[in-house]
Protein backbone atom coordinates (compact mmCIF):
# COMPACT_ATOMS: atom_id res chain seq x y z
CA MET A 1 -5.98 81.67 52.65
CA LYS A 2 -6.41 83.10 49.07
CA GLN A 3 -4.54 86.32 48.07
CA ARG A 4 -6.90 89.38 47.98
CA GLN A 5 -6.57 90.71 44.79
CA LEU A 6 -7.20 94.52 43.39
CA ASP A 7 -8.58 96.31 40.36
CA ILE A 8 -5.57 98.10 38.91
CA LEU A 9 -6.39 100.40 35.77
CA CYS A 10 -3.38 100.91 33.72
CA LYS A 11 -3.89 104.11 31.61
CA ASN A 12 -1.20 103.15 29.36
CA THR A 13 -3.00 100.28 27.87
CA GLY A 14 -6.54 101.11 29.02
CA THR A 15 -6.98 97.88 30.52
CA THR A 16 -7.59 96.99 34.30
CA LEU A 17 -5.10 94.38 35.74
CA LYS A 18 -5.51 91.86 38.87
CA ALA A 19 -2.66 92.55 41.28
CA ASP A 20 -2.33 90.94 44.75
CA PHE A 21 -2.58 93.12 47.74
CA GLY A 22 0.72 94.80 48.41
CA SER A 23 1.97 94.28 44.89
CA THR A 24 4.87 96.93 44.13
CA LEU A 25 4.71 99.29 41.20
CA THR A 26 7.36 96.94 39.53
CA GLU A 27 5.43 94.08 39.96
CA VAL A 28 2.20 95.62 38.30
CA PHE A 29 4.20 96.75 35.38
CA GLN A 30 5.54 93.25 34.80
CA MET A 31 2.15 92.14 34.71
CA SER A 32 0.71 94.70 32.37
CA GLY A 33 2.96 93.26 29.33
CA LEU A 34 4.13 97.15 28.48
CA LYS A 35 7.36 97.63 26.74
CA MET A 36 9.13 100.68 27.55
CA ASP A 37 12.77 101.38 26.08
CA TYR A 38 13.34 103.87 28.48
CA GLY A 39 11.43 103.05 31.37
CA PRO A 40 9.27 102.67 33.66
CA ILE A 41 10.99 105.06 35.74
CA SER A 42 7.96 106.05 38.02
CA ALA A 43 4.27 106.07 37.61
CA ARG A 44 1.43 108.27 38.30
CA VAL A 45 -0.86 106.67 40.76
CA ASN A 46 -4.18 108.74 41.16
CA ASN A 47 -2.56 111.57 39.88
CA LYS A 48 0.16 111.53 42.12
CA VAL A 49 3.67 110.42 41.13
CA GLU A 50 5.19 107.59 42.97
CA GLY A 51 8.39 105.73 42.47
CA MET A 52 8.22 101.94 41.31
CA HIS A 53 8.69 100.66 45.03
CA TYR A 54 5.58 102.08 45.74
CA ARG A 55 2.79 99.32 47.16
CA VAL A 56 -0.93 99.01 46.35
CA TYR A 57 -3.18 98.37 48.90
CA ASN A 58 -6.24 99.78 47.19
CA PRO A 59 -7.69 99.83 43.34
CA LYS A 60 -5.56 102.44 41.57
CA GLU A 61 -5.47 104.29 38.56
CA VAL A 62 -1.59 103.82 37.50
CA GLU A 63 0.19 105.54 34.44
CA PHE A 64 3.87 104.21 34.04
CA LEU A 65 6.30 106.95 33.03
CA ASP A 66 9.87 106.80 31.20
CA ILE A 67 12.50 109.29 30.67
CA THR A 68 10.63 111.26 28.31
CA SER A 69 8.45 112.71 30.79
CA ALA A 70 9.16 115.41 33.42
CA SER A 71 8.64 113.39 36.52
CA GLY A 72 10.57 110.61 34.95
CA ALA A 73 13.30 112.59 33.90
CA ARG A 74 13.65 113.87 37.27
CA ALA A 75 13.47 110.45 39.24
CA TYR A 76 16.41 109.08 36.72
CA THR A 77 18.44 112.54 37.63
CA ARG A 78 18.16 111.99 41.21
CA SER A 79 19.14 108.27 41.15
CA LEU A 80 22.14 109.66 39.15
CA PHE A 81 23.08 112.16 42.09
CA PHE A 82 22.60 109.09 44.17
CA VAL A 83 25.20 106.85 42.73
CA LEU A 84 27.36 109.96 42.18
CA CYS A 85 27.49 110.88 46.19
CA LYS A 86 28.31 107.01 46.80
CA ALA A 87 30.95 106.98 44.39
CA ALA A 88 32.79 109.97 45.85
CA HIS A 89 32.23 108.82 48.98
CA ASP A 90 33.83 105.47 48.35
CA LEU A 91 36.64 107.20 47.16
CA TYR A 92 37.24 110.28 49.30
CA PRO A 93 35.46 109.42 52.85
CA ASP A 94 35.87 113.04 54.14
CA CYS A 95 34.88 114.80 50.81
CA SER A 96 32.04 117.51 50.69
CA LEU A 97 29.76 117.52 47.44
CA ALA A 98 26.90 119.60 46.56
CA ILE A 99 24.78 119.25 43.56
CA ASP A 100 24.80 122.97 42.61
CA ILE A 101 24.01 124.43 39.16
CA PRO A 102 21.96 123.48 36.17
CA VAL A 103 24.36 124.62 33.39
CA SER A 104 25.41 123.18 29.86
CA ASN A 105 22.90 120.60 30.03
CA GLY A 106 23.98 118.81 32.80
CA TYR A 107 24.39 119.88 36.70
CA TYR A 108 27.29 121.40 38.28
CA VAL A 109 28.79 119.57 41.18
CA ASP A 110 30.75 121.34 43.56
CA ILE A 111 32.95 118.77 45.50
CA ASN A 112 35.85 119.48 47.84
CA ILE A 113 38.48 116.62 48.57
CA GLY A 114 41.01 118.56 50.20
CA ARG A 115 43.02 119.66 47.11
CA PRO A 116 42.30 120.63 43.41
CA VAL A 117 40.04 117.91 41.62
CA THR A 118 42.16 116.78 38.59
CA LEU A 119 41.18 114.70 35.41
CA ASP A 120 42.24 111.56 37.27
CA ASP A 121 40.16 112.23 39.98
CA VAL A 122 37.32 112.86 37.71
CA GLY A 123 37.70 109.62 35.81
CA GLN A 124 38.09 107.56 39.03
CA ILE A 125 34.68 108.82 40.11
CA ARG A 126 33.36 108.28 36.82
CA ARG A 127 34.68 104.56 36.79
CA ARG A 128 33.35 104.06 39.95
CA MET A 129 29.78 105.39 39.25
CA GLN A 130 30.00 102.56 36.66
CA GLU A 131 31.30 99.95 38.73
CA ILE A 132 28.29 100.53 41.02
CA ILE A 133 25.99 100.78 38.29
CA ASP A 134 27.10 97.63 36.83
CA ALA A 135 26.69 95.68 40.17
CA ALA A 136 23.19 96.20 39.81
CA ILE A 137 22.48 97.45 43.61
CA PRO A 138 19.10 97.65 44.76
CA ILE A 139 18.19 101.14 45.77
CA HIS A 140 16.17 100.23 48.87
CA ARG A 141 13.61 102.78 50.27
CA HIS A 142 12.78 103.14 54.00
CA GLU A 143 10.43 105.15 55.98
CA ASP A 144 11.35 105.89 59.88
CA THR A 145 10.62 108.44 62.32
CA THR A 146 12.30 111.93 61.26
CA GLU A 147 13.89 111.89 64.76
CA ARG A 148 16.05 108.78 64.19
CA ALA A 149 16.67 109.95 60.65
CA ILE A 150 17.91 113.04 61.79
CA SER A 151 20.04 111.14 64.29
CA MET A 152 21.46 109.18 61.37
CA PHE A 153 22.44 111.96 59.31
CA GLU A 154 23.89 113.83 62.39
CA LYS A 155 26.41 110.70 62.71
CA ALA A 156 27.28 111.03 58.86
CA GLY A 157 27.95 114.72 59.33
CA ALA A 158 25.41 115.53 56.71
CA ARG A 159 24.38 118.91 58.39
CA SER A 160 22.38 120.15 55.57
CA LYS A 161 20.17 117.16 55.50
CA VAL A 162 19.93 117.53 59.51
CA LYS A 163 18.93 121.18 59.00
CA LEU A 164 16.00 120.48 56.66
CA LEU A 165 14.80 117.64 58.81
CA LYS A 166 14.83 119.42 61.60
CA SER A 167 12.81 122.42 60.12
CA SER A 168 10.32 120.31 58.28
CA GLY A 169 7.83 119.32 60.95
CA ARG A 170 7.32 115.90 59.52
CA LEU A 171 6.83 113.25 61.88
CA TYR A 172 8.09 110.48 59.42
CA THR A 173 10.87 110.58 56.61
CA THR A 174 11.58 108.63 53.73
CA TYR A 175 15.26 107.89 52.91
CA TYR A 176 17.58 105.51 50.50
CA ASP A 177 20.24 103.57 50.74
CA ILE A 178 22.67 102.16 48.30
CA ASP A 179 24.69 99.14 49.84
CA GLY A 180 24.70 100.90 53.32
CA TYR A 181 25.25 104.24 51.85
CA TYR A 182 22.22 106.27 53.19
CA ASP A 183 20.92 109.47 51.46
CA TYR A 184 17.58 111.43 51.85
CA TYR A 185 15.85 112.66 48.29
CA TYR A 186 13.00 114.86 47.79
CA GLY A 187 10.92 112.62 45.32
CA SER A 188 11.09 109.08 44.08
CA LEU A 189 13.91 106.94 42.73
CA LEU A 190 14.91 104.02 40.39
CA THR A 191 14.88 100.66 42.09
CA ASN A 192 18.24 99.58 40.98
CA THR A 193 21.55 100.99 40.03
CA SER A 194 21.35 99.14 36.81
CA GLU A 195 18.36 101.37 35.60
CA ILE A 196 20.85 103.99 35.25
CA TYR A 197 21.79 103.27 31.41
CA LEU A 198 23.52 106.51 30.49
CA PHE A 199 25.35 109.15 32.07
CA GLY A 200 28.38 111.49 31.52
CA LEU A 201 31.00 113.01 34.34
CA GLU A 202 33.48 115.52 33.02
CA LYS A 203 35.85 118.01 34.73
CA TYR A 204 34.21 121.75 34.70
CA PHE A 205 35.83 124.44 35.78
CA ASP A 206 37.03 124.14 39.78
CA GLY A 207 34.43 120.79 39.91
CA LEU A 208 32.40 118.14 37.66
CA LEU A 209 29.78 118.48 35.10
CA LEU A 210 27.14 115.59 35.79
CA ARG A 211 25.62 114.84 32.48
CA ILE A 212 22.34 113.00 31.87
CA PRO A 213 20.46 111.52 28.85
CA SER A 214 18.42 114.13 26.83
CA ARG A 215 14.76 113.72 27.21
CA GLU A 216 13.97 114.16 23.10
CA HIS A 217 16.48 112.02 21.95
CA PRO A 218 17.05 109.53 25.33
CA SER A 219 20.02 107.25 23.82
CA GLU A 220 22.06 110.18 23.63
CA LEU A 221 23.76 112.81 26.54
CA GLY A 222 22.30 116.43 26.35
CA GLU A 223 24.40 118.69 24.20
CA MET A 224 27.46 119.97 26.18
CA THR A 225 27.10 123.77 25.35
CA HIS A 226 29.19 126.57 26.35
CA GLN A 227 27.38 128.45 29.06
CA ASP A 228 30.28 130.60 30.73
CA LYS A 229 28.22 133.65 31.19
CA MET A 230 25.27 131.77 32.96
CA PHE A 231 27.90 129.90 34.88
CA GLY A 232 29.44 133.07 36.36
CA ILE A 233 25.86 134.56 37.19
CA PHE A 234 25.29 131.27 39.21
CA LYS A 235 28.64 131.75 40.93
CA GLU A 236 28.24 135.33 41.73
CA HIS A 237 24.86 134.65 43.37
CA HIS A 238 26.44 132.02 45.61
CA ARG A 239 28.81 135.30 46.82
CA TRP A 240 25.75 137.01 47.98
CA GLN A 241 24.82 133.61 49.49
CA ASN A 242 27.79 133.53 51.43
CA ILE A 243 27.49 137.21 52.77
CA LEU A 244 23.89 136.24 53.93
CA GLY A 245 25.00 132.98 55.01
CA ILE A 246 22.38 131.12 53.65
CA ARG A 247 22.98 128.41 51.21
CA THR A 248 20.22 125.74 51.64
CA VAL A 249 16.39 125.85 52.86
CA GLY A 250 17.57 124.62 56.35
CA ASP A 251 19.61 127.73 56.86
CA LEU A 252 16.80 129.86 55.19
CA ASN A 253 14.44 128.33 57.94
CA GLU A 254 16.96 128.68 60.74
CA ALA A 255 16.97 132.59 59.76
CA ILE A 256 13.73 132.96 59.92
CA ASP A 257 13.19 131.22 63.31
CA ALA A 258 15.59 133.77 64.46
CA GLY A 259 13.78 136.84 63.36
CA MET A 260 15.92 137.72 60.33
CA SER A 261 13.38 137.78 57.74
CA ALA A 262 13.74 141.71 57.55
CA GLN A 263 17.19 141.79 57.46
CA LEU A 264 17.32 139.14 54.64
CA ILE A 265 14.92 140.83 52.50
CA GLN A 266 16.77 144.37 52.82
CA VAL A 267 20.22 142.67 52.01
CA SER A 268 19.00 140.55 49.03
CA GLU A 269 17.15 143.74 47.55
CA ALA A 270 19.98 145.92 48.16
CA LEU A 271 22.43 143.30 46.51
CA GLN A 272 20.13 143.06 43.48
CA GLU A 273 19.81 146.71 43.18
CA LYS A 274 23.43 147.18 43.37
CA LYS A 275 23.80 144.74 40.35
CA ILE A 276 21.03 146.98 38.18
CA ALA A 277 23.00 149.46 39.07
CA GLN A 278 26.27 148.12 37.85
CA ILE A 279 24.54 147.35 34.45
CA ALA A 280 23.28 150.92 34.31
CA ASP A 281 26.80 152.04 34.79
CA GLU A 282 27.96 150.12 32.08
CA ILE A 283 25.37 151.24 29.58
CA ALA A 284 26.36 154.76 30.59
CA ARG A 285 29.81 154.06 29.60
CA ARG A 286 29.18 152.86 26.02
CA MET A 287 26.56 155.86 25.46
CA THR A 288 29.41 158.23 26.72
CA GLY A 289 32.12 156.81 24.43
CA PRO A 290 33.03 158.05 20.88
CA GLN A 291 29.84 158.57 18.63
CA LEU A 292 29.50 157.38 15.30
CA THR A 293 28.46 159.84 12.61
CA GLY A 294 25.07 161.25 11.75
CA ASN A 295 22.12 159.95 13.08
CA ASN A 296 23.69 157.11 14.69
CA LYS A 297 24.90 156.71 18.28
CA ALA A 298 26.96 154.13 20.30
CA LEU A 299 23.53 152.74 22.01
CA ARG A 300 20.27 153.29 20.42
CA MET A 301 18.66 150.20 22.13
CA ILE A 302 18.63 147.98 25.26
CA LEU A 303 17.01 144.68 24.91
CA ILE A 304 15.78 142.80 27.86
CA ALA A 305 15.19 139.07 27.30
CA GLY A 306 14.39 136.28 29.60
CA PRO A 307 12.13 132.99 29.94
CA SER A 308 8.41 133.47 31.17
CA SER A 309 7.89 134.95 34.89
CA SER A 310 11.89 135.92 34.86
CA GLY A 311 10.72 139.48 35.87
CA LYS A 312 11.92 141.01 32.74
CA THR A 313 9.19 143.94 33.42
CA THR A 314 10.31 144.94 36.50
CA THR A 315 13.97 144.36 35.68
CA CYS A 316 12.78 147.09 33.08
CA LYS A 317 11.58 149.44 35.10
CA ARG A 318 14.35 149.45 37.75
CA LEU A 319 17.16 149.81 35.00
CA SER A 320 15.18 152.74 33.81
CA VAL A 321 15.68 154.65 37.24
CA GLN A 322 19.35 153.74 37.53
CA LEU A 323 19.57 155.00 33.80
CA LEU A 324 18.06 158.20 34.89
CA ALA A 325 20.23 158.87 37.69
CA ASN A 326 22.80 158.44 35.01
CA GLY A 327 21.44 160.94 33.17
CA ILE A 328 19.84 158.69 30.40
CA LYS A 329 16.21 158.99 29.20
CA PRO A 330 15.03 155.50 29.03
CA VAL A 331 11.82 154.93 26.69
CA GLY A 332 10.23 151.44 27.33
CA ILE A 333 8.25 149.10 25.21
CA SER A 334 7.10 145.81 25.78
CA LEU A 335 7.33 142.73 23.07
CA ASP A 336 4.04 141.33 24.98
CA ASP A 337 2.04 144.56 23.61
CA TYR A 338 3.20 143.22 20.01
CA PHE A 339 1.24 139.85 20.69
CA VAL A 340 -0.97 138.96 17.10
CA ASP A 341 -4.79 138.35 18.14
CA ARG A 342 -5.41 135.14 20.17
CA ASP A 343 -6.72 133.62 16.94
CA LEU A 344 -3.84 134.08 14.65
CA THR A 345 -1.25 132.58 17.39
CA PRO A 346 0.75 130.06 16.20
CA ARG A 347 -0.35 126.23 17.64
CA ASP A 348 1.89 123.60 19.02
CA ALA A 349 2.04 119.83 18.57
CA LYS A 350 -1.23 119.39 20.65
CA GLY A 351 -3.27 122.05 19.07
CA ASP A 352 -2.54 124.60 21.73
CA PHE A 353 -1.92 128.18 21.29
CA ASP A 354 1.89 128.55 21.58
CA PHE A 355 2.43 132.19 22.89
CA GLU A 356 6.25 131.19 23.19
CA HIS A 357 6.66 130.82 19.15
CA LEU A 358 8.50 134.00 17.59
CA HIS A 359 5.54 134.42 15.45
CA SER A 360 3.00 135.07 17.93
CA LEU A 361 4.32 138.58 17.92
CA ASN A 362 3.51 141.06 15.14
CA LEU A 363 6.81 140.98 13.63
CA PRO A 364 6.14 143.26 10.54
CA LEU A 365 4.56 145.81 13.32
CA LEU A 366 7.52 145.89 15.04
CA SER A 367 9.85 146.27 12.56
CA GLN A 368 8.33 149.14 10.95
CA GLN A 369 7.93 150.95 14.12
CA LEU A 370 11.57 150.32 15.21
CA ASN A 371 12.66 151.98 12.14
CA ALA A 372 10.17 154.81 12.20
CA LEU A 373 11.60 155.61 15.59
CA PHE A 374 15.20 155.60 14.71
CA ALA A 375 14.16 157.43 12.17
CA GLY A 376 12.85 160.10 13.98
CA GLU A 377 8.83 159.69 13.27
CA GLU A 378 6.23 159.26 15.63
CA VAL A 379 4.20 156.15 16.23
CA GLU A 380 1.41 154.90 17.96
CA LEU A 381 2.42 151.89 19.97
CA PRO A 382 -0.06 149.00 20.58
CA ARG A 383 -1.28 147.07 23.63
CA TYR A 384 -2.36 143.67 24.11
CA ASP A 385 -5.45 142.84 26.36
CA PHE A 386 -4.87 139.23 27.89
CA PRO A 387 -8.03 138.37 28.97
CA THR A 388 -9.94 139.11 25.92
CA GLY A 389 -6.83 137.75 23.83
CA ARG A 390 -6.84 141.08 21.40
CA SER A 391 -4.46 143.88 20.08
CA THR A 392 -5.50 147.18 20.16
CA MET A 393 -3.53 150.81 19.34
CA SER A 394 -3.11 151.95 23.01
CA GLY A 395 -3.31 155.87 22.06
CA ARG A 396 0.06 156.20 23.14
CA ARG A 397 2.02 157.98 20.84
CA LEU A 398 5.68 157.94 20.78
CA ARG A 399 9.02 159.82 19.21
CA LEU A 400 12.53 159.01 19.97
CA ARG A 401 14.32 161.83 20.95
CA ASP A 402 18.25 162.51 20.34
CA ASP A 403 18.78 162.13 24.27
CA GLU A 404 16.64 159.20 24.85
CA ILE A 405 17.24 155.41 24.68
CA LEU A 406 14.74 152.75 24.07
CA VAL A 407 14.16 149.84 26.19
CA VAL A 408 12.72 146.88 25.15
CA GLU A 409 11.79 143.71 27.20
CA GLY A 410 10.12 139.99 26.00
CA ILE A 411 10.88 136.69 26.00
CA HIS A 412 12.11 136.98 21.96
CA ALA A 413 14.19 140.26 23.07
CA LEU A 414 17.86 138.43 22.08
CA ASN A 415 16.31 136.60 18.84
CA PRO A 416 18.38 138.45 15.86
CA GLU A 417 15.26 138.35 13.75
CA LEU A 418 13.88 140.71 15.79
CA THR A 419 16.47 143.45 15.18
CA ALA A 420 18.20 142.19 11.76
CA ASN A 421 18.12 145.81 10.57
CA ILE A 422 20.02 147.44 13.39
CA PRO A 423 23.66 147.39 13.51
CA GLY A 424 24.65 145.08 16.51
CA ASP A 425 26.87 147.73 18.11
CA GLN A 426 23.90 150.06 18.73
CA ILE A 427 22.38 147.28 20.68
CA PHE A 428 22.79 146.56 24.28
CA ARG A 429 21.71 142.88 25.33
CA ILE A 430 20.72 141.91 28.73
CA TYR A 431 19.20 138.28 29.87
CA ALA A 432 17.37 138.33 32.84
CA SER A 433 15.87 135.14 34.67
CA ALA A 434 15.21 133.59 38.23
CA LEU A 435 18.29 131.61 38.51
CA THR A 436 17.47 130.07 41.81
CA THR A 437 20.68 128.84 43.70
CA ILE A 438 19.58 128.01 47.46
CA LEU A 439 19.25 124.22 47.83
CA LEU A 440 16.86 122.15 49.78
CA ASP A 441 20.33 120.39 51.09
CA SER A 442 23.52 119.61 49.58
CA HIS A 443 22.22 116.82 47.24
CA ASN A 444 18.95 118.26 46.47
CA TYR A 445 18.61 121.25 44.11
CA ILE A 446 15.39 123.13 43.47
CA PRO A 447 14.93 123.60 39.75
CA THR A 448 15.11 127.53 38.65
CA THR A 449 11.76 126.19 36.33
CA ASP A 450 9.90 125.30 39.46
CA ASN A 451 10.60 129.40 40.83
CA ARG A 452 8.87 130.59 37.74
CA LEU A 453 6.48 128.23 37.47
CA LEU A 454 5.48 129.35 41.00
CA ARG A 455 5.46 133.05 39.90
CA ARG A 456 3.55 132.41 37.06
CA ILE A 457 0.50 130.66 38.63
CA ILE A 458 0.24 133.81 41.14
CA ARG A 459 0.54 136.08 38.20
CA ASP A 460 -1.67 134.27 35.67
CA HIS A 461 -4.41 134.04 38.84
CA LYS A 462 -4.28 137.60 39.88
CA TYR A 463 -3.81 139.49 36.51
CA ARG A 464 -5.26 137.17 33.71
CA ALA A 465 -8.05 135.24 35.25
CA VAL A 466 -6.32 131.80 34.45
CA SER A 467 -6.54 128.83 36.88
CA ALA A 468 -3.25 126.95 38.64
CA ARG A 469 -4.36 123.81 36.73
CA GLU A 470 -4.78 125.85 33.17
CA THR A 471 -1.21 127.48 33.86
CA ILE A 472 0.27 123.79 34.95
CA ARG A 473 -1.22 122.14 31.67
CA ARG A 474 0.41 124.77 29.57
CA TRP A 475 3.74 124.71 31.06
CA PRO A 476 5.38 122.08 28.98
CA SER A 477 4.73 124.14 26.02
CA VAL A 478 6.28 127.10 27.45
CA ARG A 479 9.41 125.25 28.38
CA ALA A 480 9.29 123.75 24.75
CA GLY A 481 9.20 127.46 23.39
CA GLU A 482 11.91 128.62 26.16
CA ASN A 483 14.35 125.88 24.57
CA ARG A 484 13.39 126.60 20.99
CA TRP A 485 13.43 130.21 20.82
CA ILE A 486 15.07 131.64 24.24
CA PHE A 487 17.92 129.65 25.63
CA PRO A 488 19.96 129.44 22.44
CA PHE A 489 20.57 132.99 22.27
CA GLN A 490 21.48 133.50 26.10
CA GLU A 491 24.81 133.69 25.78
CA ASN A 492 24.77 136.42 23.13
CA ALA A 493 23.73 138.71 26.21
CA ASP A 494 26.23 141.68 27.21
CA ALA A 495 24.93 141.19 30.72
CA MET A 496 23.04 138.59 32.95
CA PHE A 497 20.99 139.68 35.67
CA ASN A 498 19.59 136.90 38.01
CA THR A 499 16.07 137.84 39.36
CA ALA A 500 15.58 135.29 41.83
CA MET A 501 16.12 136.15 45.57
CA LEU A 502 17.13 133.97 48.33
CA PHE A 503 13.74 134.39 50.40
CA GLU A 504 11.73 134.35 47.55
CA LEU A 505 9.92 130.89 47.80
CA ALA A 506 9.27 131.79 51.56
CA VAL A 507 7.19 134.96 50.45
CA ILE A 508 5.43 133.49 47.38
CA LYS A 509 4.36 130.15 49.35
CA SER A 510 1.47 131.64 50.61
CA GLN A 511 -0.09 133.07 47.66
CA ALA A 512 0.81 129.82 45.87
CA GLU A 513 -0.53 127.25 48.08
CA PRO A 514 -4.27 128.41 47.99
CA LEU A 515 -4.12 128.34 44.29
CA LEU A 516 -2.27 125.00 44.02
CA GLU A 517 -4.40 123.24 46.63
CA GLN A 518 -7.27 124.09 44.11
CA VAL A 519 -6.11 121.62 41.37
CA PRO A 520 -8.63 119.21 41.40
CA GLU A 521 -7.67 115.40 42.09
CA ASN A 522 -9.31 113.90 39.20
CA CYS A 523 -6.93 115.82 36.48
CA GLU A 524 -3.16 115.12 35.35
CA GLU A 525 -2.27 118.39 36.63
CA HIS A 526 -3.27 117.66 40.31
CA ALA A 527 0.43 115.59 40.26
CA GLU A 528 2.27 118.80 39.54
CA ALA A 529 0.53 120.88 42.04
CA TYR A 530 0.88 118.03 44.88
CA ARG A 531 4.72 117.85 43.96
CA LEU A 532 4.87 121.53 44.39
CA LEU A 533 2.86 121.52 47.56
CA LYS A 534 5.20 118.64 49.04
CA PHE A 535 8.07 121.20 47.86
CA LEU A 536 6.77 124.20 49.58
CA HIS A 537 5.91 122.63 52.70
CA TYR A 538 9.76 122.30 53.59
CA ILE A 539 10.05 126.07 53.48
CA LYS A 540 9.08 128.53 56.54
CA PRO A 541 6.63 131.34 55.31
CA ILE A 542 7.87 134.90 55.51
CA PRO A 543 5.19 137.56 55.31
CA ASP A 544 5.20 140.05 52.66
CA GLY A 545 4.85 143.30 54.56
CA ASP A 546 8.71 143.90 54.28
CA ILE A 547 9.30 143.62 50.64
CA PRO A 548 9.51 147.24 49.34
CA PRO A 549 6.82 148.45 46.71
CA THR A 550 9.85 148.79 44.35
CA SER A 551 11.01 144.84 44.57
CA LEU A 552 10.90 142.73 41.72
CA LEU A 553 8.48 140.19 43.27
CA ARG A 554 5.69 142.82 43.39
CA GLU A 555 5.36 142.26 39.80
CA PHE A 556 3.92 138.85 40.88
CA LEU A 557 2.52 139.46 44.32
CA GLY A 558 0.83 142.61 43.72
CA GLY A 559 1.71 145.95 45.43
CA SER A 560 4.01 147.85 43.06
CA SER A 561 4.60 151.03 43.17
CA PHE A 562 5.57 150.80 39.44
CA LYS A 563 2.52 150.76 36.65
CA TYR A 564 2.55 147.72 34.42
């Protein structure tokens, strides 16, 4: 009998291929004649990302992705995690390992082998990883009942995976193996270990740093930058997790089922408020220290910076409350109100408005008003109307008095160009971001960018009349702007503040899911919406009724007692 053939539209070439019924994406790619130096790693199939294991049984639209795409980079990185976990297991069968923190253009790996990790240990793991890669071992994909998958992982002692799968409510589960070593990963993997062409492994503090290729320059590893302050804030958040006994989504789901949601919210909010109070105390200490001569003070301005949807505005307002409790009168302004009119906004390489560009701000007006305020003059502050994209004068007039300190927040607040004419010792710099530290399980981290994207989708819909599709479409440009304009300056901060909370994803889930479901299947943004929906499915919901009106999350969910 003649093999049934299917029409496969290859969007990379614009041509229609004839593929045998049940062909893998790898086989379809081989038919296409495409050449990819760093792929294919995965493919967008009818606007859903699939691994190259995927088989076609109906006509499809297929776009092959390499490591320069976000989806391709994720699949490559997951596969590298898998090889690392197998190598560590081969060398230290009783070790425990957690893929933990994105830092220094890589991933911190928390590994416990029963003693301190040495440089020799790191070298042995690196060599074993390379042996696994050189052996060109197939990465097999399996689909089985969740019940049998749980039983298998229970026997292997993979407690975090067991907790996750037990709480998932799924009938079937997909998992993978490399030469008999089984693991579960959220999302697609490569088909063979030999497809990993570049990685690095270094000793990093008391663990490892797994380095990955740069998306911009795939033939090179990402630059190993020093992010000691960032690493420290992540470790501090881990101490908070230990207090609450919540490390993974499985732990979170168990706590929700046990009726602990209210306590989890209360303790998380208290820990976050305590951190804000500590920052305010440090500012008060510096303000009451030795004063400079003339009109100068030890501190005259607080800058609060961070990437999109990091909660800078509420951080600013809550810090202001704590400053008042210390006898300091804060006066807040937002850099968002200094945006230029939309038609004057710089554009990115695709021709879209680049709101993350430094020069999307009216720098001359900002500089003029800062200088005037510090000279004791009165200014009228601008206001930016997001729906219309126009800057107007707000009618709010401001004069900075001797007993007041200016608090400025915005994504560019730590950029030296903003404060070039102000002595550095008169500025206290704070970096705030949603640094998600809860894991799906020990081998599946949750990207901090996903946390912020979900916040932004909710906020853009609620306050800016922007659809989830449009927010997702613009997100790569936002991320590119952050890499250029924000992240290079984060280690200059005097204090770092993690705005993410352990229970957060369980609360924002209920508002995010309906918006993601509205993204049409016939657009490219559907792939990202579908991925986020799959991810949120693992997390049990928490109603937002117990969240206080001063919570940072209220900036996105609504119901805040602060005025924005």
